[in-house]
Amino acid sequence: MLNLERLRTLDALARHGSVSGAADGLHVTTSAVSQQMSKLEREVGQQLLARNGRGVRLTDAGRLLAGHAATILSQVALAQSDIEAQRGEVVGEVRLAAFPTAARGLFPAVLTALRADHPELRPRTAELEPEAGIRAVLRGDVDLAVVLDWSNKRLPVPGGLATARLLDDAPDIAMPAGHPLADRAEVGLEDFADDDWVSWPEGEFCHEWLMFTLRSKGIEPRIAHLAGEHHTQLALIAAGFGVCVAPRLGRGPVPDGVSLVPVRETMRRHVHAVWRTDADRRPSVRAAVDALRAAGRAVPGPAGAGPGAPAPRS
């Protein structure tokens, strides 16, 4: 009989494409992955891996079995969901991830609600950027992730995931208080063609969005500084080192010396929850989704500006 944990290892190898990637995804050592695969090859009596340069690749038999492994693991997860749904109790552990401003802007309210409504549930949270959050859900490292995309640049969501819209987040442009445009009622990104920009780190979805958006307006941006934390970005702005896009969700206090001006065109970050469809009936996942939706509804809209109110200037 095929061993479920060895099939899980094969599935991780197929998804990650390398022994080291599978080891990271499964939180084990590379030697543990190799040992599990050797045992699985003995079980099936066929070679499943072949050398490929410095790495490995799946053989035809490996790809065939990996397809079955993915189906089997999905059925196991679905069985777990059905058992939990039949029991109908929101208990055990639920693992949540969110990009940093969503973690700051939503998780305190979500955790408070879950503790009050489901005291036997143990939420665990982590910060993950959107694409990493989706990968973690697909791997089973987390049960649910809060992710984002922009009105002009969508984040691809693979098949097998369910989604729920939580809120729309409107950004402002943050600039030094003495900037010539600081007293404007609204601005466009093209107004800052000659400014230095403070951006998210290269490779992050929001950095790629900023580059895409500015270039679509005929601007080759001057990215002077990269910072993952919004508070770091705003501190650089306060010190006079450029401008940045400053979404409102989870923004918190704005340093002295920074002015915030709304963006003229309709520009939104769409914030979603994503989870595996085979976990859709788990009471713990449904409770987490309901709590996130409630927290999203409670955020003044567009996220942090107050209903119909302009964004704060400083």
Protein backbone atom coordinates (compact mmCIF):
# COMPACT_ATOMS: atom_id res chain seq x y z
CA MET A 1 0.00 0.00 0.00
CA LEU A 2 1.29 3.46 -0.90
CA ASN A 3 2.38 5.57 2.04
CA LEU A 4 0.53 8.90 2.30
CA GLU A 5 3.50 10.89 3.60
CA ARG A 6 5.68 9.62 0.74
CA LEU A 7 2.98 10.67 -1.73
CA ARG A 8 2.96 14.07 -0.04
CA THR A 9 6.71 14.28 -0.64
CA LEU A 10 6.28 13.37 -4.31
CA ASP A 11 3.53 15.97 -4.66
CA ALA A 12 5.82 18.62 -3.15
CA LEU A 13 8.61 17.66 -5.57
CA ALA A 14 6.24 17.96 -8.52
CA ARG A 15 5.00 21.39 -7.39
CA HIS A 16 8.35 22.88 -6.38
CA GLY A 17 10.51 21.30 -9.04
CA SER A 18 13.48 20.58 -6.78
CA VAL A 19 14.46 18.62 -3.69
CA SER A 20 15.37 21.81 -1.82
CA GLY A 21 12.07 23.45 -2.74
CA ALA A 22 10.12 20.39 -1.60
CA ALA A 23 12.11 20.32 1.65
CA ASP A 24 11.32 23.99 2.31
CA GLY A 25 7.65 23.46 1.54
CA LEU A 26 7.40 20.44 3.82
CA HIS A 27 9.64 21.96 6.54
CA VAL A 28 12.01 18.99 6.48
CA THR A 29 15.62 18.45 5.41
CA THR A 30 16.67 17.61 1.87
CA SER A 31 17.98 14.27 3.09
CA ALA A 32 14.52 13.47 4.51
CA VAL A 33 12.98 14.19 1.08
CA SER A 34 15.55 11.95 -0.62
CA GLN A 35 14.94 9.13 1.88
CA GLN A 36 11.15 9.33 1.42
CA MET A 37 11.54 9.20 -2.36
CA SER A 38 13.90 6.22 -2.18
CA LYS A 39 11.36 4.34 -0.07
CA LEU A 40 8.55 5.28 -2.47
CA GLU A 41 10.58 4.02 -5.45
CA ARG A 42 11.05 0.70 -3.65
CA GLU A 43 7.30 0.54 -2.95
CA VAL A 44 6.28 1.04 -6.56
CA GLY A 45 9.25 -0.80 -8.08
CA GLN A 46 10.03 1.98 -10.56
CA GLN A 47 12.39 4.92 -10.83
CA LEU A 48 10.52 8.14 -10.07
CA LEU A 49 13.40 10.63 -10.16
CA ALA A 50 16.23 11.12 -12.65
CA ARG A 51 19.30 13.35 -12.53
CA ASN A 52 18.94 16.63 -14.40
CA GLY A 53 22.18 18.61 -14.26
CA ARG A 54 22.68 19.48 -10.60
CA GLY A 55 19.02 18.83 -9.82
CA VAL A 56 16.43 16.14 -10.48
CA ARG A 57 13.38 15.69 -12.66
CA LEU A 58 10.40 13.38 -12.47
CA THR A 59 10.44 10.38 -14.80
CA ASP A 60 7.32 9.46 -16.76
CA ALA A 61 6.37 7.12 -13.92
CA GLY A 62 7.05 9.92 -11.44
CA ARG A 63 4.77 12.34 -13.27
CA LEU A 64 2.06 9.71 -13.52
CA LEU A 65 2.19 8.93 -9.81
CA ALA A 66 2.45 12.63 -8.90
CA GLY A 67 -0.86 13.25 -10.67
CA HIS A 68 -2.49 10.53 -8.61
CA ALA A 69 -0.79 11.86 -5.46
CA ALA A 70 -2.31 15.32 -5.97
CA THR A 71 -5.77 13.77 -6.36
CA ILE A 72 -5.34 11.55 -3.31
CA LEU A 73 -4.11 14.42 -1.11
CA SER A 74 -7.00 16.60 -2.26
CA GLN A 75 -9.43 13.81 -1.37
CA VAL A 76 -7.83 13.45 2.06
CA ALA A 77 -8.24 17.19 2.67
CA LEU A 78 -11.84 17.00 1.46
CA ALA A 79 -12.52 14.07 3.79
CA GLN A 80 -11.11 16.09 6.69
CA SER A 81 -13.37 19.00 5.72
CA ASP A 82 -16.42 16.75 5.53
CA ILE A 83 -15.69 15.19 8.93
CA GLU A 84 -15.26 18.62 10.51
CA ALA A 85 -18.41 19.89 8.79
CA GLN A 86 -20.40 16.86 9.98
CA ARG A 87 -19.21 17.50 13.52
CA GLY A 88 -20.08 21.17 13.04
CA GLU A 89 -17.75 22.48 15.75
CA VAL A 90 -15.31 25.34 15.25
CA VAL A 91 -12.35 23.86 17.11
CA GLY A 92 -8.70 23.03 16.55
CA GLU A 93 -6.19 25.20 14.72
CA VAL A 94 -6.62 27.52 11.75
CA ARG A 95 -3.56 29.10 10.12
CA LEU A 96 -3.94 32.54 8.57
CA ALA A 97 -1.53 34.67 6.55
CA ALA A 98 -1.78 38.22 5.23
CA PHE A 99 0.39 40.85 3.59
CA PRO A 100 1.72 43.25 6.26
CA THR A 101 -0.78 46.14 6.06
CA ALA A 102 -3.71 43.70 6.01
CA ALA A 103 -2.24 41.84 8.99
CA ARG A 104 -2.02 45.14 10.84
CA GLY A 105 -5.37 46.48 9.64
CA LEU A 106 -7.52 43.32 9.89
CA PHE A 107 -6.00 40.64 12.13
CA PRO A 108 -6.54 42.34 15.52
CA ALA A 109 -10.29 42.57 14.87
CA VAL A 110 -10.43 39.09 13.33
CA LEU A 111 -8.61 37.45 16.25
CA THR A 112 -10.77 39.29 18.78
CA ALA A 113 -13.96 38.11 17.06
CA LEU A 114 -12.76 34.50 16.77
CA ARG A 115 -11.76 34.41 20.43
CA ALA A 116 -15.18 35.72 21.47
CA ASP A 117 -17.28 33.54 19.16
CA HIS A 118 -15.16 30.36 19.03
CA PRO A 119 -13.06 30.03 22.19
CA GLU A 120 -11.97 26.46 21.28
CA LEU A 121 -10.41 27.63 18.02
CA ARG A 122 -6.67 28.36 17.96
CA PRO A 123 -5.81 30.87 15.21
CA ARG A 124 -2.18 31.15 14.11
CA THR A 125 -1.12 34.10 11.98
CA ALA A 126 1.85 35.07 9.82
CA GLU A 127 2.83 37.87 7.45
CA LEU A 128 3.30 36.80 3.83
CA GLU A 129 3.33 38.82 0.62
CA PRO A 130 0.42 38.00 -1.73
CA GLU A 131 2.16 35.59 -4.10
CA ALA A 132 3.87 33.80 -1.19
CA GLY A 133 0.51 33.59 0.58
CA ILE A 134 -1.09 31.88 -2.41
CA ARG A 135 1.81 29.41 -2.63
CA ALA A 136 1.47 28.68 1.10
CA VAL A 137 -2.25 27.93 0.69
CA LEU A 138 -1.59 25.63 -2.25
CA ARG A 139 1.14 23.79 -0.29
CA GLY A 140 -1.11 23.48 2.76
CA ASP A 141 1.27 25.53 4.93
CA VAL A 142 -1.60 27.89 5.79
CA ASP A 143 -5.36 27.40 5.61
CA LEU A 144 -6.23 30.88 4.38
CA ALA A 145 -4.34 33.90 3.05
CA VAL A 146 -5.32 37.54 2.64
CA VAL A 147 -3.95 38.78 -0.69
CA LEU A 148 -4.37 41.79 -2.96
CA ASP A 149 -4.39 42.96 -6.52
CA TRP A 150 -4.85 46.35 -8.13
CA SER A 151 -7.62 47.69 -10.33
CA ASN A 152 -5.21 47.80 -13.29
CA LYS A 153 -3.08 44.71 -12.47
CA ARG A 154 -4.64 41.47 -11.30
CA LEU A 155 -2.95 38.81 -9.20
CA PRO A 156 -3.40 35.39 -10.87
CA VAL A 157 -5.29 32.96 -8.63
CA PRO A 158 -4.68 29.30 -9.58
CA GLY A 159 -7.46 26.78 -9.91
CA GLY A 160 -8.48 24.91 -6.79
CA LEU A 161 -8.73 28.06 -4.68
CA ALA A 162 -11.87 29.81 -3.45
CA THR A 163 -11.90 33.58 -2.98
CA ALA A 164 -13.89 36.21 -1.09
CA ARG A 165 -13.65 39.98 -1.63
CA LEU A 166 -13.00 41.71 1.71
CA LEU A 167 -12.63 45.40 0.86
CA ASP A 168 -11.24 47.95 -1.58
CA ASP A 169 -8.35 50.09 -0.38
CA ALA A 170 -7.73 53.54 -1.90
CA PRO A 171 -4.16 54.84 -2.00
CA ASP A 172 -2.79 58.34 -1.52
CA ILE A 173 0.52 59.79 -2.65
CA ALA A 174 2.81 60.58 0.29
CA MET A 175 5.22 63.48 -0.21
CA PRO A 176 7.25 65.86 1.94
CA ALA A 177 5.09 68.61 3.42
CA GLY A 178 7.06 71.21 1.45
CA HIS A 179 6.47 69.52 -1.91
CA PRO A 180 4.95 71.85 -4.57
CA LEU A 181 1.90 69.54 -4.91
CA ALA A 182 1.29 69.05 -1.18
CA ASP A 183 -1.68 71.46 -1.16
CA ARG A 184 -3.47 69.92 -4.14
CA ALA A 185 -6.92 68.40 -3.65
CA GLU A 186 -5.86 65.41 -5.74
CA VAL A 187 -2.95 64.32 -7.93
CA GLY A 188 -2.07 61.85 -10.65
CA LEU A 189 0.96 59.60 -10.66
CA GLU A 190 2.17 61.32 -13.81
CA ASP A 191 2.52 64.56 -11.80
CA PHE A 192 5.60 63.01 -10.16
CA ALA A 193 7.53 62.12 -13.31
CA ASP A 194 10.52 64.14 -12.11
CA ASP A 195 10.49 62.92 -8.49
CA ASP A 196 12.45 60.14 -6.84
CA TRP A 197 10.23 57.26 -5.72
CA VAL A 198 10.33 55.10 -2.61
CA SER A 199 9.00 51.66 -3.53
CA TRP A 200 8.43 48.19 -2.20
CA PRO A 201 11.31 45.69 -2.72
CA GLU A 202 11.96 44.39 -6.22
CA GLY A 203 10.07 41.21 -6.98
CA GLU A 204 7.10 42.07 -4.77
CA PHE A 205 3.73 42.35 -6.46
CA CYS A 206 3.21 45.99 -5.45
CA HIS A 207 6.63 47.01 -6.79
CA GLU A 208 5.80 45.37 -10.11
CA TRP A 209 2.44 47.17 -10.09
CA LEU A 210 4.10 50.56 -9.49
CA MET A 211 6.58 50.05 -12.33
CA PHE A 212 3.82 48.83 -14.66
CA THR A 213 1.51 51.75 -13.79
CA LEU A 214 4.12 54.49 -14.17
CA ARG A 215 5.46 53.06 -17.43
CA SER A 216 1.92 52.80 -18.81
CA LYS A 217 1.78 56.60 -18.36
CA GLY A 218 5.01 57.07 -20.29
CA ILE A 219 7.15 57.56 -17.18
CA GLU A 220 10.38 55.70 -16.51
CA PRO A 221 10.39 55.90 -12.71
CA ARG A 222 13.45 56.89 -10.73
CA ILE A 223 13.35 54.33 -7.90
CA ALA A 224 15.72 55.78 -5.31
CA HIS A 225 14.89 53.67 -2.26
CA LEU A 226 13.33 50.26 -1.58
CA ALA A 227 11.59 49.45 1.72
CA GLY A 228 9.15 46.69 2.61
CA GLU A 229 7.62 48.43 5.63
CA HIS A 230 5.24 51.33 5.03
CA HIS A 231 6.51 53.06 8.17
CA THR A 232 10.03 52.99 6.73
CA GLN A 233 8.78 54.39 3.44
CA LEU A 234 6.97 57.25 5.21
CA ALA A 235 10.04 57.99 7.36
CA LEU A 236 12.08 58.41 4.17
CA ILE A 237 9.40 60.70 2.76
CA ALA A 238 9.40 62.78 5.97
CA ALA A 239 13.16 63.19 5.58
CA GLY A 240 12.68 64.52 2.05
CA PHE A 241 13.90 61.52 0.03
CA GLY A 242 11.11 61.14 -2.53
CA VAL A 243 7.43 60.25 -2.84
CA CYS A 244 5.54 56.96 -2.50
CA VAL A 245 2.15 55.35 -2.89
CA ALA A 246 0.59 55.06 0.56
CA PRO A 247 -2.45 52.73 0.77
CA ARG A 248 -4.76 53.45 3.70
CA LEU A 249 -5.42 49.98 5.14
CA GLY A 250 -3.25 49.46 8.21
CA ARG A 251 -1.34 52.68 7.57
CA GLY A 252 -1.39 53.94 11.16
CA PRO A 253 0.04 57.28 12.31
CA VAL A 254 1.68 59.42 9.64
CA PRO A 255 4.97 61.12 10.61
CA ASP A 256 5.20 64.88 10.88
CA GLY A 257 6.47 66.41 7.69
CA VAL A 258 4.49 64.09 5.38
CA SER A 259 1.51 65.22 3.31
CA LEU A 260 -0.98 62.76 1.84
CA VAL A 261 -2.96 63.66 -1.28
CA PRO A 262 -5.61 61.38 -2.87
CA VAL A 263 -4.92 59.94 -6.31
CA ARG A 264 -7.07 61.60 -8.96
CA GLU A 265 -7.95 58.52 -11.01
CA THR A 266 -9.93 55.63 -9.56
CA MET A 267 -7.17 53.39 -8.23
CA ARG A 268 -7.87 50.64 -5.73
CA ARG A 269 -6.16 47.72 -4.04
CA HIS A 270 -8.67 44.87 -4.00
CA VAL A 271 -8.19 42.80 -0.85
CA HIS A 272 -9.29 39.15 -0.96
CA ALA A 273 -9.22 36.02 1.16
CA VAL A 274 -8.17 32.80 -0.60
CA TRP A 275 -8.37 29.21 0.60
CA ARG A 276 -8.40 25.74 -0.93
CA THR A 277 -11.75 24.62 -2.29
CA ASP A 278 -11.24 21.22 -0.68
CA ALA A 279 -11.23 23.01 2.72
CA ASP A 280 -14.36 25.04 1.95
CA ARG A 281 -16.61 23.11 4.32
CA ARG A 282 -14.28 23.20 7.31
CA PRO A 283 -16.05 25.13 10.07
CA SER A 284 -12.76 26.71 11.18
CA VAL A 285 -12.09 28.07 7.68
CA ARG A 286 -15.66 29.32 7.29
CA ALA A 287 -15.43 31.05 10.69
CA ALA A 288 -12.18 32.74 9.65
CA VAL A 289 -13.68 33.90 6.34
CA ASP A 290 -16.76 35.29 8.14
CA ALA A 291 -14.56 37.14 10.65
CA LEU A 292 -12.43 38.60 7.84
CA ARG A 293 -15.52 39.75 5.95
CA ALA A 294 -16.86 41.44 9.09
CA ALA A 295 -13.50 43.12 9.71
CA GLY A 296 -13.41 44.30 6.10
CA ARG A 297 -16.90 45.78 6.37
CA ALA A 298 -15.87 47.63 9.52
CA VAL A 299 -12.98 49.41 7.78
CA PRO A 300 -14.15 52.93 6.82
CA GLY A 301 -14.20 53.16 3.08
CA PRO A 302 -12.32 53.53 1.04
CA ALA A 303 -10.13 51.84 3.67
CA GLY A 304 -9.31 54.41 6.26
CA ALA A 305 -10.60 57.61 4.63
CA GLY A 306 -14.03 57.56 6.25
CA PRO A 307 -17.26 57.39 4.17
CA GLY A 308 -17.02 60.10 1.55
CA ALA A 309 -14.24 61.94 3.40
CA PRO A 310 -10.96 63.07 1.84
CA ALA A 311 -7.76 61.49 2.99
CA PRO A 312 -5.88 63.27 5.78
CA ARG A 313 -3.19 65.73 4.67
CA SER A 314 -0.64 64.92 7.33
